[in-house]
C-alpha cells in the first residue's frame, strides 16, 4: 500500500557516514567510560596520573569528581555521535 523511496543518493556515501558515526561514537563512549572509571577509583595508571597532575592546578581537591563528570559528558556525546544526532544541525 505504501512505498518508501529514497532520494537519489549514493548508498556507499550514506553507509560510510553511518559506519564512521558508529566508530567515533563508540570510541568516544569508551574514552568517557575509561575517564569515569579512573576518576571513580582514583586510578594510579600513568596516563590518568598525568591528567590528574594537570587538572589539579585548576580543580585542587575536586579533580577526580571533575574527571567523573567529564567522563559522563563524553559518554553522552559519544552516544549522540553514534546515532547521528549532530548531523541534523
N, C-alpha and C. Protein backbone atom coordinates (compact mmCIF):
# COMPACT_ATOMS: atom_id res chain seq x y z
N UNK A 1 0.82 -1.18 0.00
CA UNK A 1 0.00 0.00 0.00
C UNK A 1 0.87 1.25 0.00
N UNK A 2 1.84 1.30 0.88
CA UNK A 2 2.76 2.43 0.95
C UNK A 2 4.10 2.00 0.39
N UNK A 3 4.71 2.89 -0.33
CA UNK A 3 6.02 2.58 -0.89
C UNK A 3 7.03 3.61 -0.40
N UNK A 4 8.13 3.13 0.11
CA UNK A 4 9.17 4.02 0.63
C UNK A 4 10.25 4.15 -0.43
N UNK A 5 10.50 5.38 -0.83
CA UNK A 5 11.58 5.62 -1.78
C UNK A 5 12.51 6.66 -1.20
N UNK A 6 13.76 6.55 -1.56
CA UNK A 6 14.76 7.48 -1.09
C UNK A 6 15.24 8.34 -2.25
N UNK A 7 15.64 9.55 -1.94
CA UNK A 7 16.18 10.43 -2.97
C UNK A 7 17.43 9.80 -3.56
N UNK A 8 17.75 10.22 -4.78
CA UNK A 8 18.94 9.64 -5.41
C UNK A 8 20.18 10.02 -4.61
N UNK A 9 20.67 9.06 -3.90
CA UNK A 9 21.80 9.28 -3.01
C UNK A 9 22.69 8.05 -3.11
N UNK A 10 23.98 8.28 -3.19
CA UNK A 10 24.90 7.17 -3.27
C UNK A 10 24.87 6.39 -1.97
N UNK A 11 24.55 5.10 -2.05
CA UNK A 11 24.42 4.31 -0.83
C UNK A 11 25.77 4.12 -0.14
N UNK A 12 26.87 4.14 -0.89
CA UNK A 12 28.17 3.95 -0.27
C UNK A 12 28.54 5.14 0.61
N UNK A 13 28.20 6.34 0.18
CA UNK A 13 28.47 7.52 0.99
C UNK A 13 27.63 7.48 2.25
N UNK A 14 26.37 7.12 2.12
CA UNK A 14 25.48 7.04 3.27
C UNK A 14 25.95 5.97 4.25
N UNK A 15 26.32 4.80 3.74
CA UNK A 15 26.77 3.72 4.61
C UNK A 15 28.08 4.08 5.30
N UNK A 16 28.98 4.74 4.59
CA UNK A 16 30.25 5.14 5.19
C UNK A 16 30.02 6.13 6.32
N UNK A 17 29.10 7.05 6.15
CA UNK A 17 28.79 8.02 7.19
C UNK A 17 28.25 7.33 8.43
N UNK A 18 27.38 6.37 8.25
CA UNK A 18 26.82 5.65 9.39
C UNK A 18 27.91 4.86 10.12
N UNK A 19 28.77 4.20 9.36
CA UNK A 19 29.84 3.41 9.97
C UNK A 19 30.80 4.31 10.74
N UNK A 20 31.16 5.45 10.16
CA UNK A 20 32.08 6.36 10.84
C UNK A 20 31.44 6.95 12.09
N UNK A 21 30.16 7.28 12.02
CA UNK A 21 29.46 7.77 13.22
C UNK A 21 29.48 6.73 14.32
N UNK A 22 29.22 5.49 13.96
CA UNK A 22 29.24 4.43 14.96
C UNK A 22 30.64 4.22 15.53
N UNK A 23 31.65 4.25 14.66
CA UNK A 23 33.02 4.05 15.12
C UNK A 23 33.45 5.16 16.09
N UNK A 24 33.31 6.42 15.68
CA UNK A 24 33.76 7.52 16.52
C UNK A 24 32.90 7.66 17.77
N UNK A 25 31.61 7.40 17.64
CA UNK A 25 30.73 7.45 18.81
C UNK A 25 31.10 6.39 19.83
N UNK A 26 31.37 5.18 19.36
CA UNK A 26 31.76 4.09 20.26
C UNK A 26 33.12 4.39 20.90
N UNK A 27 34.06 4.94 20.11
CA UNK A 27 35.37 5.28 20.65
C UNK A 27 35.25 6.37 21.72
N UNK A 28 34.43 7.38 21.45
CA UNK A 28 34.22 8.43 22.46
C UNK A 28 33.58 7.86 23.72
N UNK A 29 32.63 6.96 23.53
CA UNK A 29 31.97 6.34 24.68
C UNK A 29 32.98 5.58 25.53
N UNK A 30 33.88 4.83 24.89
CA UNK A 30 34.89 4.07 25.62
C UNK A 30 35.87 4.99 26.36
N UNK A 31 36.27 6.08 25.74
CA UNK A 31 37.17 7.02 26.40
C UNK A 31 36.48 7.66 27.60
N UNK A 32 35.22 8.03 27.43
CA UNK A 32 34.46 8.60 28.55
C UNK A 32 34.28 7.60 29.68
N UNK A 33 34.04 6.35 29.31
CA UNK A 33 33.89 5.31 30.34
C UNK A 33 35.20 5.11 31.09
N UNK A 34 36.33 5.12 30.36
CA UNK A 34 37.65 4.97 30.99
C UNK A 34 37.90 6.13 31.95
N UNK A 35 37.60 7.35 31.50
CA UNK A 35 37.83 8.52 32.35
C UNK A 35 36.93 8.48 33.59
N UNK A 36 35.68 8.07 33.42
CA UNK A 36 34.76 7.96 34.55
C UNK A 36 35.25 6.91 35.56
N UNK A 37 35.64 5.75 35.04
CA UNK A 37 36.09 4.67 35.94
C UNK A 37 37.38 5.04 36.67
N UNK A 38 38.31 5.66 35.95
CA UNK A 38 39.56 6.07 36.59
C UNK A 38 39.30 7.13 37.66
N UNK A 39 38.40 8.06 37.38
CA UNK A 39 38.05 9.07 38.37
C UNK A 39 37.36 8.47 39.58
N UNK A 40 36.54 7.48 39.34
CA UNK A 40 35.82 6.82 40.42
C UNK A 40 36.76 6.04 41.33
N UNK A 41 37.72 5.32 40.74
CA UNK A 41 38.66 4.50 41.51
C UNK A 41 39.88 5.29 41.97
N UNK A 42 40.04 6.51 41.46
CA UNK A 42 41.25 7.30 41.69
C UNK A 42 42.45 6.45 41.28
N UNK A 43 42.43 6.05 40.06
CA UNK A 43 43.39 5.11 39.49
C UNK A 43 44.83 5.62 39.58
N UNK A 44 45.75 4.68 39.55
CA UNK A 44 47.16 5.04 39.61
C UNK A 44 47.86 4.77 38.28
N UNK A 45 47.09 4.63 37.19
CA UNK A 45 47.72 4.43 35.89
C UNK A 45 48.46 5.70 35.46
N UNK A 46 49.49 5.52 34.69
CA UNK A 46 50.37 6.64 34.32
C UNK A 46 49.63 7.71 33.53
N UNK A 47 48.82 7.31 32.57
CA UNK A 47 48.11 8.29 31.74
C UNK A 47 47.13 9.09 32.60
N UNK A 48 46.41 8.40 33.46
CA UNK A 48 45.46 9.11 34.31
C UNK A 48 46.18 10.04 35.29
N UNK A 49 47.30 9.61 35.81
CA UNK A 49 48.05 10.46 36.75
C UNK A 49 48.57 11.72 36.06
N UNK A 50 48.92 11.63 34.78
CA UNK A 50 49.30 12.83 34.03
C UNK A 50 48.12 13.80 33.91
N UNK A 51 46.94 13.25 33.63
CA UNK A 51 45.74 14.10 33.56
C UNK A 51 45.44 14.73 34.92
N UNK A 52 45.58 13.96 35.97
CA UNK A 52 45.32 14.47 37.32
C UNK A 52 46.30 15.58 37.68
N UNK A 53 47.57 15.39 37.34
CA UNK A 53 48.58 16.41 37.68
C UNK A 53 48.27 17.74 37.00
N UNK A 54 47.83 17.70 35.75
CA UNK A 54 47.50 18.94 35.06
C UNK A 54 46.18 19.54 35.57
N UNK A 55 45.22 18.69 35.86
CA UNK A 55 43.91 19.19 36.30
C UNK A 55 43.94 19.70 37.74
N UNK A 56 44.84 19.17 38.55
CA UNK A 56 44.92 19.56 39.95
C UNK A 56 45.26 21.05 40.10
N UNK A 57 45.97 21.61 39.12
CA UNK A 57 46.30 23.04 39.18
C UNK A 57 45.04 23.90 39.21
N UNK A 58 44.01 23.47 38.51
CA UNK A 58 42.77 24.25 38.44
C UNK A 58 41.73 23.77 39.45
N UNK A 59 41.56 22.46 39.59
CA UNK A 59 40.44 21.93 40.35
C UNK A 59 40.79 21.51 41.78
N UNK A 60 42.04 21.56 42.17
CA UNK A 60 42.52 21.24 43.53
C UNK A 60 42.02 19.87 43.99
N UNK A 61 41.20 19.82 45.04
CA UNK A 61 40.79 18.54 45.63
C UNK A 61 39.63 17.88 44.89
N UNK A 62 38.96 18.60 44.01
CA UNK A 62 37.79 18.07 43.28
C UNK A 62 38.17 17.45 41.94
N UNK A 63 39.46 17.18 41.73
CA UNK A 63 39.94 16.74 40.43
C UNK A 63 39.30 15.43 39.99
N UNK A 64 39.13 14.47 40.88
CA UNK A 64 38.54 13.18 40.50
C UNK A 64 37.05 13.32 40.20
N UNK A 65 36.36 14.17 40.92
CA UNK A 65 34.95 14.42 40.64
C UNK A 65 34.78 15.07 39.27
N UNK A 66 35.65 16.01 38.95
CA UNK A 66 35.60 16.67 37.64
C UNK A 66 35.84 15.66 36.53
N UNK A 67 36.76 14.74 36.72
CA UNK A 67 37.01 13.72 35.70
C UNK A 67 35.83 12.77 35.56
N UNK A 68 35.13 12.48 36.64
CA UNK A 68 33.93 11.64 36.54
C UNK A 68 32.85 12.34 35.73
N UNK A 69 32.63 13.62 36.01
CA UNK A 69 31.61 14.38 35.28
C UNK A 69 32.00 14.51 33.82
N UNK A 70 33.27 14.80 33.55
CA UNK A 70 33.74 14.90 32.17
C UNK A 70 33.57 13.57 31.44
N UNK A 71 33.84 12.47 32.12
CA UNK A 71 33.66 11.16 31.52
C UNK A 71 32.20 10.90 31.16
N UNK A 72 31.30 11.27 32.04
CA UNK A 72 29.87 11.11 31.74
C UNK A 72 29.45 11.95 30.54
N UNK A 73 29.92 13.19 30.48
CA UNK A 73 29.58 14.06 29.35
C UNK A 73 30.14 13.53 28.04
N UNK A 74 31.34 12.98 28.07
CA UNK A 74 31.93 12.41 26.86
C UNK A 74 31.16 11.16 26.43
N UNK A 75 30.70 10.36 27.40
CA UNK A 75 29.90 9.18 27.06
C UNK A 75 28.59 9.59 26.40
N UNK A 76 27.93 10.59 26.95
CA UNK A 76 26.66 11.06 26.37
C UNK A 76 26.88 11.61 24.97
N UNK A 77 27.93 12.40 24.79
CA UNK A 77 28.23 12.93 23.48
C UNK A 77 28.58 11.81 22.50
N UNK A 78 29.27 10.79 22.96
CA UNK A 78 29.58 9.64 22.12
C UNK A 78 28.33 8.93 21.63
N UNK A 79 27.34 8.83 22.50
CA UNK A 79 26.07 8.23 22.08
C UNK A 79 25.38 9.10 21.04
N UNK A 80 25.42 10.42 21.22
CA UNK A 80 24.83 11.33 20.24
C UNK A 80 25.53 11.22 18.88
N UNK A 81 26.84 11.10 18.90
CA UNK A 81 27.59 10.94 17.64
C UNK A 81 27.22 9.62 16.99
N UNK A 82 27.11 8.57 17.77
CA UNK A 82 26.81 7.24 17.23
C UNK A 82 25.45 7.19 16.55
N UNK A 83 24.47 7.90 17.07
CA UNK A 83 23.14 7.88 16.44
C UNK A 83 22.99 8.96 15.38
N UNK A 84 24.03 9.76 15.17
CA UNK A 84 23.99 10.78 14.14
C UNK A 84 23.21 12.02 14.51
N UNK A 85 23.07 12.28 15.80
CA UNK A 85 22.27 13.42 16.26
C UNK A 85 22.84 14.76 15.79
N UNK A 86 24.16 14.91 15.81
CA UNK A 86 24.77 16.20 15.48
C UNK A 86 24.73 16.51 13.99
N UNK A 87 24.46 15.56 13.14
CA UNK A 87 24.38 15.82 11.71
C UNK A 87 23.09 16.50 11.31
N UNK A 88 22.15 16.55 12.20
CA UNK A 88 20.86 17.18 11.89
C UNK A 88 20.93 18.68 11.89
N UNK A 89 22.00 19.24 12.43
CA UNK A 89 22.12 20.69 12.54
C UNK A 89 23.02 21.25 11.50
